[in-house]
Amino acid sequence: MIPALHAARLLFDHGFVQEQAAIQRTLDELHEDIIFLSFAVIRNVQTPVHREYLEKFYKESENGMVQRSKIRAYVSQIDAEIDADSDPDAAATIYRTIYSVYSGFVHVASPHIMELVVGDPPCFKLHGMSGTLTHEGHRYDLYNSFYRAIISLQ
């Protein structure tokens, strides 16, 4: 998580917001995985999903990893237990929404690519987005990754 935060910050500093967001997708998955694994240890309760995760994690191939929805469901339940006002279904929806938004950066969706278009006449800005509103928006988005890392690592 720490090297990915450094990489995201370096990319942001140079205006490479598309690449920053792709790394933030990795950071979001790391956050979920850390919470998922930590609470199994904290509570001394390893579910079948935990055992499946660890078994597949230590294999060389990435094929057959535990479905992200199962990890999210567990993390959402933890959120609800910590905060009595939290709704696990709403939390799972939030986690899924964040994942989906960043998927567009990882899997190159058109709306995300079009963030690189600026100016009049419009053109793609291919050497970073420094000085644009898009760059500024990604600054605040990066704060979320640092905040979530602090939560994950405390």
N, C-alpha and C. Protein backbone atom coordinates (compact mmCIF):
# COMPACT_ATOMS: atom_id res chain seq x y z
N MET A 1 0.82 -1.18 0.00
CA MET A 1 0.00 0.00 0.00
C MET A 1 0.87 1.26 0.00
N ILE A 2 1.92 1.27 0.78
CA ILE A 2 2.77 2.47 0.88
C ILE A 2 3.43 2.81 -0.46
N PRO A 3 4.05 1.85 -1.16
CA PRO A 3 4.62 2.19 -2.47
C PRO A 3 3.57 2.67 -3.47
N ALA A 4 2.39 2.10 -3.42
CA ALA A 4 1.33 2.54 -4.34
C ALA A 4 0.91 3.97 -4.04
N LEU A 5 0.87 4.34 -2.77
CA LEU A 5 0.56 5.73 -2.40
C LEU A 5 1.63 6.68 -2.94
N HIS A 6 2.88 6.28 -2.80
CA HIS A 6 3.97 7.10 -3.35
C HIS A 6 3.84 7.25 -4.86
N ALA A 7 3.54 6.15 -5.53
CA ALA A 7 3.39 6.19 -6.98
C ALA A 7 2.23 7.09 -7.40
N ALA A 8 1.10 6.96 -6.71
CA ALA A 8 -0.06 7.80 -7.03
C ALA A 8 0.27 9.27 -6.83
N ARG A 9 0.98 9.58 -5.77
CA ARG A 9 1.36 10.98 -5.50
C ARG A 9 2.31 11.51 -6.57
N LEU A 10 3.29 10.71 -6.97
CA LEU A 10 4.22 11.12 -8.03
C LEU A 10 3.49 11.36 -9.35
N LEU A 11 2.58 10.46 -9.67
CA LEU A 11 1.80 10.63 -10.90
C LEU A 11 0.96 11.90 -10.83
N PHE A 12 0.33 12.13 -9.68
CA PHE A 12 -0.46 13.36 -9.53
C PHE A 12 0.42 14.59 -9.69
N ASP A 13 1.58 14.58 -9.04
CA ASP A 13 2.48 15.74 -9.10
C ASP A 13 2.84 16.12 -10.53
N HIS A 14 2.84 15.15 -11.42
CA HIS A 14 3.19 15.40 -12.82
C HIS A 14 1.96 15.45 -13.73
N GLY A 15 0.78 15.43 -13.11
CA GLY A 15 -0.45 15.61 -13.88
C GLY A 15 -0.99 14.37 -14.55
N PHE A 16 -0.45 13.21 -14.24
CA PHE A 16 -0.90 11.98 -14.88
C PHE A 16 -2.05 11.36 -14.07
N VAL A 17 -3.21 11.98 -14.21
CA VAL A 17 -4.35 11.63 -13.38
C VAL A 17 -4.99 10.30 -13.77
N GLN A 18 -4.93 9.93 -15.05
CA GLN A 18 -5.48 8.63 -15.48
C GLN A 18 -4.71 7.50 -14.79
N GLU A 19 -3.43 7.60 -14.80
CA GLU A 19 -2.58 6.57 -14.21
C GLU A 19 -2.70 6.58 -12.69
N GLN A 20 -2.82 7.78 -12.13
CA GLN A 20 -3.05 7.92 -10.68
C GLN A 20 -4.32 7.16 -10.29
N ALA A 21 -5.39 7.37 -11.03
CA ALA A 21 -6.66 6.73 -10.71
C ALA A 21 -6.58 5.21 -10.85
N ALA A 22 -5.81 4.71 -11.81
CA ALA A 22 -5.65 3.26 -11.95
C ALA A 22 -4.96 2.69 -10.71
N ILE A 23 -3.99 3.41 -10.19
CA ILE A 23 -3.32 2.95 -8.97
C ILE A 23 -4.27 3.07 -7.78
N GLN A 24 -5.12 4.08 -7.78
CA GLN A 24 -6.09 4.20 -6.70
C GLN A 24 -7.05 3.02 -6.68
N ARG A 25 -7.33 2.43 -7.82
CA ARG A 25 -8.15 1.22 -7.86
C ARG A 25 -7.43 0.11 -7.09
N THR A 26 -6.13 -0.01 -7.32
CA THR A 26 -5.34 -0.99 -6.58
C THR A 26 -5.38 -0.69 -5.08
N LEU A 27 -5.26 0.59 -4.73
CA LEU A 27 -5.30 0.98 -3.32
C LEU A 27 -6.64 0.64 -2.68
N ASP A 28 -7.72 0.82 -3.42
CA ASP A 28 -9.04 0.48 -2.87
C ASP A 28 -9.14 -1.02 -2.60
N GLU A 29 -8.63 -1.83 -3.51
CA GLU A 29 -8.65 -3.27 -3.29
C GLU A 29 -7.76 -3.65 -2.11
N LEU A 30 -6.61 -3.02 -2.00
CA LEU A 30 -5.74 -3.29 -0.86
C LEU A 30 -6.43 -2.94 0.45
N HIS A 31 -7.11 -1.81 0.48
CA HIS A 31 -7.84 -1.39 1.68
C HIS A 31 -8.86 -2.46 2.07
N GLU A 32 -9.66 -2.89 1.11
CA GLU A 32 -10.67 -3.92 1.39
C GLU A 32 -10.01 -5.20 1.87
N ASP A 33 -8.93 -5.60 1.23
CA ASP A 33 -8.26 -6.86 1.60
C ASP A 33 -7.65 -6.77 3.00
N ILE A 34 -7.07 -5.64 3.34
CA ILE A 34 -6.47 -5.48 4.67
C ILE A 34 -7.54 -5.58 5.75
N ILE A 35 -8.66 -4.89 5.55
CA ILE A 35 -9.75 -4.95 6.53
C ILE A 35 -10.29 -6.38 6.61
N PHE A 36 -10.49 -6.98 5.46
CA PHE A 36 -11.01 -8.36 5.38
C PHE A 36 -10.12 -9.33 6.16
N LEU A 37 -8.82 -9.27 5.94
CA LEU A 37 -7.90 -10.20 6.59
C LEU A 37 -7.66 -9.83 8.06
N SER A 38 -7.58 -8.56 8.35
CA SER A 38 -7.30 -8.11 9.72
C SER A 38 -8.38 -8.53 10.70
N PHE A 39 -9.63 -8.36 10.30
CA PHE A 39 -10.70 -8.68 11.23
C PHE A 39 -10.84 -10.18 11.47
N ALA A 40 -10.39 -11.00 10.55
CA ALA A 40 -10.37 -12.43 10.80
C ALA A 40 -9.38 -12.74 11.93
N VAL A 41 -8.27 -12.02 11.94
CA VAL A 41 -7.26 -12.21 12.99
C VAL A 41 -7.73 -11.57 14.30
N ILE A 42 -8.23 -10.34 14.21
CA ILE A 42 -8.69 -9.63 15.41
C ILE A 42 -9.76 -10.44 16.14
N ARG A 43 -10.67 -11.00 15.39
CA ARG A 43 -11.78 -11.75 15.98
C ARG A 43 -11.48 -13.23 16.15
N ASN A 44 -10.34 -13.64 15.65
CA ASN A 44 -9.96 -15.05 15.71
C ASN A 44 -11.05 -15.95 15.11
N VAL A 45 -11.61 -15.48 14.00
CA VAL A 45 -12.64 -16.24 13.29
C VAL A 45 -12.32 -16.19 11.81
N GLN A 46 -11.94 -17.33 11.29
CA GLN A 46 -11.63 -17.41 9.86
C GLN A 46 -12.78 -18.11 9.16
N THR A 47 -13.44 -17.37 8.27
CA THR A 47 -14.57 -17.93 7.53
C THR A 47 -14.06 -18.78 6.37
N PRO A 48 -14.94 -19.55 5.75
CA PRO A 48 -14.54 -20.29 4.54
C PRO A 48 -14.02 -19.35 3.44
N VAL A 49 -14.56 -18.14 3.37
CA VAL A 49 -14.09 -17.18 2.36
C VAL A 49 -12.65 -16.75 2.67
N HIS A 50 -12.32 -16.60 3.94
CA HIS A 50 -10.95 -16.27 4.33
C HIS A 50 -9.99 -17.40 3.93
N ARG A 51 -10.40 -18.62 4.22
CA ARG A 51 -9.54 -19.76 3.88
C ARG A 51 -9.35 -19.86 2.36
N GLU A 52 -10.43 -19.66 1.61
CA GLU A 52 -10.34 -19.69 0.15
C GLU A 52 -9.42 -18.57 -0.35
N TYR A 53 -9.57 -17.37 0.22
CA TYR A 53 -8.74 -16.23 -0.18
C TYR A 53 -7.26 -16.55 0.02
N LEU A 54 -6.91 -17.02 1.22
CA LEU A 54 -5.51 -17.30 1.52
C LEU A 54 -4.95 -18.44 0.68
N GLU A 55 -5.77 -19.46 0.44
CA GLU A 55 -5.31 -20.57 -0.40
C GLU A 55 -4.98 -20.07 -1.81
N LYS A 56 -5.84 -19.26 -2.36
CA LYS A 56 -5.65 -18.76 -3.72
C LYS A 56 -4.59 -17.67 -3.78
N PHE A 57 -4.45 -16.92 -2.71
CA PHE A 57 -3.47 -15.83 -2.67
C PHE A 57 -2.05 -16.35 -2.82
N TYR A 58 -1.77 -17.49 -2.22
CA TYR A 58 -0.42 -18.02 -2.23
C TYR A 58 -0.09 -18.89 -3.43
N LYS A 59 -1.02 -19.02 -4.36
CA LYS A 59 -0.72 -19.73 -5.60
C LYS A 59 -0.13 -18.75 -6.59
N GLU A 60 0.65 -19.25 -7.52
CA GLU A 60 1.31 -18.38 -8.50
C GLU A 60 0.33 -17.76 -9.47
N SER A 61 -0.71 -18.45 -9.79
CA SER A 61 -1.67 -17.95 -10.78
C SER A 61 -2.73 -17.10 -10.09
N GLU A 62 -3.20 -16.06 -10.79
CA GLU A 62 -4.25 -15.20 -10.26
C GLU A 62 -5.62 -15.77 -10.54
N ASN A 63 -5.69 -16.81 -11.36
CA ASN A 63 -6.98 -17.38 -11.72
C ASN A 63 -7.72 -17.88 -10.49
N GLY A 64 -9.02 -17.61 -10.48
CA GLY A 64 -9.84 -18.14 -9.41
C GLY A 64 -9.77 -17.39 -8.10
N MET A 65 -9.35 -16.13 -8.13
CA MET A 65 -9.32 -15.36 -6.89
C MET A 65 -10.73 -15.24 -6.33
N VAL A 66 -10.83 -15.02 -5.05
CA VAL A 66 -12.12 -14.86 -4.40
C VAL A 66 -12.83 -13.66 -5.01
N GLN A 67 -14.11 -13.80 -5.23
CA GLN A 67 -14.89 -12.71 -5.82
C GLN A 67 -14.84 -11.49 -4.91
N ARG A 68 -14.61 -10.37 -5.52
CA ARG A 68 -14.53 -9.11 -4.79
C ARG A 68 -15.82 -8.85 -4.01
N SER A 69 -16.96 -9.27 -4.55
CA SER A 69 -18.25 -9.05 -3.87
C SER A 69 -18.29 -9.76 -2.52
N LYS A 70 -17.64 -10.91 -2.39
CA LYS A 70 -17.60 -11.62 -1.10
C LYS A 70 -16.76 -10.86 -0.09
N ILE A 71 -15.66 -10.31 -0.54
CA ILE A 71 -14.80 -9.52 0.35
C ILE A 71 -15.55 -8.27 0.79
N ARG A 72 -16.19 -7.61 -0.17
CA ARG A 72 -16.95 -6.39 0.11
C ARG A 72 -18.09 -6.66 1.10
N ALA A 73 -18.76 -7.79 0.95
CA ALA A 73 -19.86 -8.13 1.86
C ALA A 73 -19.34 -8.27 3.29
N TYR A 74 -18.21 -8.90 3.45
CA TYR A 74 -17.62 -9.07 4.78
C TYR A 74 -17.22 -7.71 5.36
N VAL A 75 -16.54 -6.90 4.56
CA VAL A 75 -16.09 -5.58 5.02
C VAL A 75 -17.29 -4.70 5.36
N SER A 76 -18.33 -4.77 4.58
CA SER A 76 -19.55 -3.98 4.84
C SER A 76 -20.20 -4.41 6.14
N GLN A 77 -20.17 -5.70 6.42
CA GLN A 77 -20.72 -6.20 7.69
C GLN A 77 -19.89 -5.69 8.87
N ILE A 78 -18.58 -5.65 8.71
CA ILE A 78 -17.70 -5.10 9.75
C ILE A 78 -18.06 -3.64 9.99
N ASP A 79 -18.22 -2.87 8.90
CA ASP A 79 -18.61 -1.46 9.02
C ASP A 79 -19.88 -1.33 9.84
N ALA A 80 -20.87 -2.16 9.56
CA ALA A 80 -22.16 -2.10 10.25
C ALA A 80 -22.03 -2.46 11.72
N GLU A 81 -21.13 -3.38 12.04
CA GLU A 81 -20.94 -3.75 13.44
C GLU A 81 -20.22 -2.66 14.23
N ILE A 82 -19.32 -1.95 13.55
CA ILE A 82 -18.58 -0.87 14.21
C ILE A 82 -19.47 0.36 14.40
N ASP A 83 -20.28 0.64 13.38
CA ASP A 83 -21.17 1.81 13.41
C ASP A 83 -22.60 1.31 13.31
N ALA A 84 -23.31 1.36 14.43
CA ALA A 84 -24.67 0.83 14.48
C ALA A 84 -25.60 1.50 13.47
N ASP A 85 -25.30 2.73 13.07
CA ASP A 85 -26.13 3.44 12.10
C ASP A 85 -25.80 3.05 10.66
N SER A 86 -24.77 2.24 10.47
CA SER A 86 -24.35 1.87 9.14
C SER A 86 -25.21 0.73 8.60
N ASP A 87 -25.56 0.83 7.34
CA ASP A 87 -26.34 -0.20 6.65
C ASP A 87 -25.38 -1.00 5.78
N PRO A 88 -25.22 -2.32 6.04
CA PRO A 88 -24.25 -3.10 5.28
C PRO A 88 -24.54 -3.11 3.77
N ASP A 89 -25.83 -3.09 3.40
CA ASP A 89 -26.15 -3.06 1.97
C ASP A 89 -25.72 -1.74 1.34
N ALA A 90 -25.94 -0.65 2.05
CA ALA A 90 -25.52 0.66 1.54
C ALA A 90 -24.00 0.73 1.45
N ALA A 91 -23.31 0.19 2.46
CA ALA A 91 -21.85 0.20 2.45
C ALA A 91 -21.32 -0.63 1.28
N ALA A 92 -21.93 -1.78 1.04
CA ALA A 92 -21.50 -2.63 -0.09
C ALA A 92 -21.72 -1.90 -1.41
N THR A 93 -22.80 -1.15 -1.50
CA THR A 93 -23.08 -0.37 -2.71
C THR A 93 -22.02 0.71 -2.91
N ILE A 94 -21.62 1.35 -1.83
CA ILE A 94 -20.57 2.39 -1.91
C ILE A 94 -19.26 1.77 -2.38
N TYR A 95 -18.87 0.65 -1.77
CA TYR A 95 -17.62 -0.01 -2.18
C TYR A 95 -17.68 -0.43 -3.65
N ARG A 96 -18.83 -0.96 -4.06
CA ARG A 96 -18.99 -1.39 -5.46
C ARG A 96 -18.94 -0.19 -6.41
N THR A 97 -19.52 0.93 -6.00
CA THR A 97 -19.53 2.13 -6.83
C THR A 97 -18.11 2.67 -7.01
N ILE A 98 -17.35 2.73 -5.93
CA ILE A 98 -15.96 3.19 -6.02
C ILE A 98 -15.18 2.28 -6.97
N TYR A 99 -15.36 0.99 -6.80
CA TYR A 99 -14.68 0.00 -7.65
C TYR A 99 -15.04 0.22 -9.12
N SER A 100 -16.32 0.44 -9.39
CA SER A 100 -16.79 0.64 -10.77
C SER A 100 -16.23 1.91 -11.38
N VAL A 101 -16.18 2.97 -10.61
CA VAL A 101 -15.65 4.24 -11.14
C VAL A 101 -14.19 4.05 -11.54
N TYR A 102 -13.41 3.44 -10.68
CA TYR A 102 -12.00 3.25 -11.00
C TYR A 102 -11.78 2.21 -12.09
N SER A 103 -12.75 1.31 -12.28
CA SER A 103 -12.63 0.34 -13.37
C SER A 103 -12.50 1.03 -14.71
N GLY A 104 -13.15 2.16 -14.86
CA GLY A 104 -13.07 2.91 -16.11
C GLY A 104 -11.67 3.39 -16.43
N PHE A 105 -10.88 3.63 -15.39
CA PHE A 105 -9.49 4.03 -15.60
C PHE A 105 -8.62 2.82 -15.91
N VAL A 106 -8.90 1.71 -15.27
CA VAL A 106 -8.12 0.49 -15.48
C VAL A 106 -8.44 -0.14 -16.84
N HIS A 107 -9.72 -0.17 -17.17
CA HIS A 107 -10.15 -0.85 -18.40
C HIS A 107 -10.44 0.13 -19.54
N VAL A 108 -10.05 1.36 -19.38
CA VAL A 108 -10.05 2.38 -20.42
C VAL A 108 -11.44 2.62 -21.03
N ALA A 109 -12.34 3.16 -20.21
CA ALA A 109 -13.67 3.52 -20.68
C ALA A 109 -13.64 4.93 -21.29
N SER A 110 -14.49 5.15 -22.26
CA SER A 110 -14.50 6.41 -22.99
C SER A 110 -14.64 7.66 -22.11
N PRO A 111 -15.56 7.70 -21.13
CA PRO A 111 -15.67 8.92 -20.33
C PRO A 111 -14.37 9.28 -19.62
N HIS A 112 -13.64 8.27 -19.22
CA HIS A 112 -12.38 8.51 -18.52
C HIS A 112 -11.31 9.00 -19.49
N ILE A 113 -11.29 8.44 -20.67
CA ILE A 113 -10.34 8.89 -21.69
C ILE A 113 -10.62 10.35 -22.05
N MET A 114 -11.90 10.69 -22.13
CA MET A 114 -12.28 12.03 -22.56
C MET A 114 -11.90 13.10 -21.54
N GLU A 115 -11.54 12.69 -20.32
CA GLU A 115 -11.02 13.66 -19.35
C GLU A 115 -9.72 14.30 -19.85
N LEU A 116 -9.06 13.65 -20.78
CA LEU A 116 -7.80 14.17 -21.31
C LEU A 116 -8.00 15.23 -22.38
N VAL A 117 -9.23 15.49 -22.77
CA VAL A 117 -9.53 16.49 -23.80
C VAL A 117 -9.76 17.85 -23.14
N VAL A 118 -8.99 18.84 -23.57
CA VAL A 118 -9.12 20.20 -23.04
C VAL A 118 -8.93 21.20 -24.17
N GLY A 119 -9.32 22.43 -23.91
CA GLY A 119 -9.01 23.53 -24.80
C GLY A 119 -10.03 23.80 -25.87
N ASP A 120 -9.76 24.90 -26.58
CA ASP A 120 -10.57 25.31 -27.72
C ASP A 120 -9.63 25.76 -28.82
N PRO A 121 -9.45 24.98 -29.84
CA PRO A 121 -10.19 23.77 -30.15
C PRO A 121 -9.78 22.63 -29.22
N PRO A 122 -10.70 21.69 -29.00
CA PRO A 122 -10.39 20.57 -28.10
C PRO A 122 -9.27 19.69 -28.65
N CYS A 123 -8.41 19.27 -27.73
CA CYS A 123 -7.35 18.33 -28.10
C CYS A 123 -6.98 17.49 -26.88
N PHE A 124 -6.38 16.34 -27.13
CA PHE A 124 -5.95 15.48 -26.03
C PHE A 124 -4.68 16.05 -25.42
N LYS A 125 -4.67 16.15 -24.11
CA LYS A 125 -3.48 16.60 -23.39
C LYS A 125 -2.74 15.34 -22.93
N LEU A 126 -1.67 15.01 -23.61
CA LEU A 126 -1.00 13.72 -23.42
C LEU A 126 0.24 13.78 -22.54
N HIS A 127 0.59 14.95 -22.08
CA HIS A 127 1.79 15.09 -21.24
C HIS A 127 1.42 15.47 -19.81
N GLY A 128 0.27 15.01 -19.36
CA GLY A 128 -0.19 15.30 -18.01
C GLY A 128 -1.21 16.43 -18.02
N MET A 129 -2.02 16.45 -16.98
CA MET A 129 -3.14 17.38 -16.88
C MET A 129 -2.87 18.53 -15.91
N SER A 130 -1.61 18.79 -15.61
CA SER A 130 -1.27 19.85 -14.66
C SER A 130 -1.95 21.16 -15.05
N GLY A 131 -2.47 21.83 -14.03
CA GLY A 131 -3.08 23.14 -14.24
C GLY A 131 -4.51 23.11 -14.75
N THR A 132 -5.13 21.94 -14.84
CA THR A 132 -6.51 21.85 -15.31
C THR A 132 -7.45 21.58 -14.14
N LEU A 133 -8.74 21.79 -14.37
CA LEU A 133 -9.74 21.47 -13.35
C LEU A 133 -9.75 19.97 -13.04
N THR A 134 -9.51 19.17 -14.07
CA THR A 134 -9.44 17.72 -13.88
C THR A 134 -8.32 17.36 -12.91
N HIS A 135 -7.18 18.00 -13.06
CA HIS A 135 -6.04 17.76 -12.16
C HIS A 135 -6.43 18.11 -10.73
N GLU A 136 -7.07 19.25 -10.56
CA GLU A 136 -7.46 19.68 -9.22
C GLU A 136 -8.45 18.69 -8.59
N GLY A 137 -9.39 18.19 -9.39
CA GLY A 137 -10.34 17.21 -8.88
C GLY A 137 -9.66 15.94 -8.41
N HIS A 138 -8.63 15.53 -9.12
CA HIS A 138 -7.91 14.32 -8.73
C HIS A 138 -7.06 14.54 -7.48
N ARG A 139 -6.73 15.79 -7.19
CA ARG A 139 -6.01 16.09 -5.93
C ARG A 139 -6.87 15.65 -4.75
N TYR A 140 -8.13 16.06 -4.76
CA TYR A 140 -9.03 15.73 -3.65
C TYR A 140 -9.34 14.24 -3.63
N ASP A 141 -9.38 13.63 -4.77
CA ASP A 141 -9.59 12.20 -4.83
C ASP A 141 -8.41 11.45 -4.20
N LEU A 142 -7.21 11.95 -4.41
CA LEU A 142 -6.03 11.31 -3.84
C LEU A 142 -6.04 11.39 -2.30
N TYR A 143 -6.60 12.48 -1.76
CA TYR A 143 -6.71 12.58 -0.30
C TYR A 143 -7.49 11.39 0.25
N ASN A 144 -8.53 10.97 -0.47
CA ASN A 144 -9.33 9.82 -0.01
C ASN A 144 -8.48 8.56 0.10
N SER A 145 -7.58 8.37 -0.84
CA SER A 145 -6.72 7.17 -0.79
C SER A 145 -5.79 7.21 0.41
N PHE A 146 -5.25 8.37 0.72
CA PHE A 146 -4.39 8.49 1.89
C PHE A 146 -5.19 8.27 3.18
N TYR A 147 -6.38 8.83 3.23
CA TYR A 147 -7.24 8.65 4.40
C TYR A 147 -7.57 7.18 4.60
N ARG A 148 -7.97 6.50 3.53
CA ARG A 148 -8.32 5.09 3.65
C ARG A 148 -7.10 4.24 4.02
N ALA A 149 -5.91 4.64 3.56
CA ALA A 149 -4.70 3.92 3.95
C ALA A 149 -4.44 4.06 5.45
N ILE A 150 -4.67 5.25 5.96
CA ILE A 150 -4.50 5.47 7.41
C ILE A 150 -5.45 4.56 8.18
N ILE A 151 -6.70 4.47 7.73
CA ILE A 151 -7.68 3.58 8.37
C ILE A 151 -7.20 2.13 8.29
N SER A 152 -6.73 1.74 7.14
CA SER A 152 -6.30 0.34 6.93
C SER A 152 -5.11 -0.04 7.80
N LEU A 153 -4.22 0.90 7.99
CA LEU A 153 -2.94 0.58 8.64
C LEU A 153 -2.87 0.94 10.12
N GLN A 154 -3.95 1.45 10.67
CA GLN A 154 -3.87 1.83 12.09
C GLN A 154 -4.01 0.64 13.01
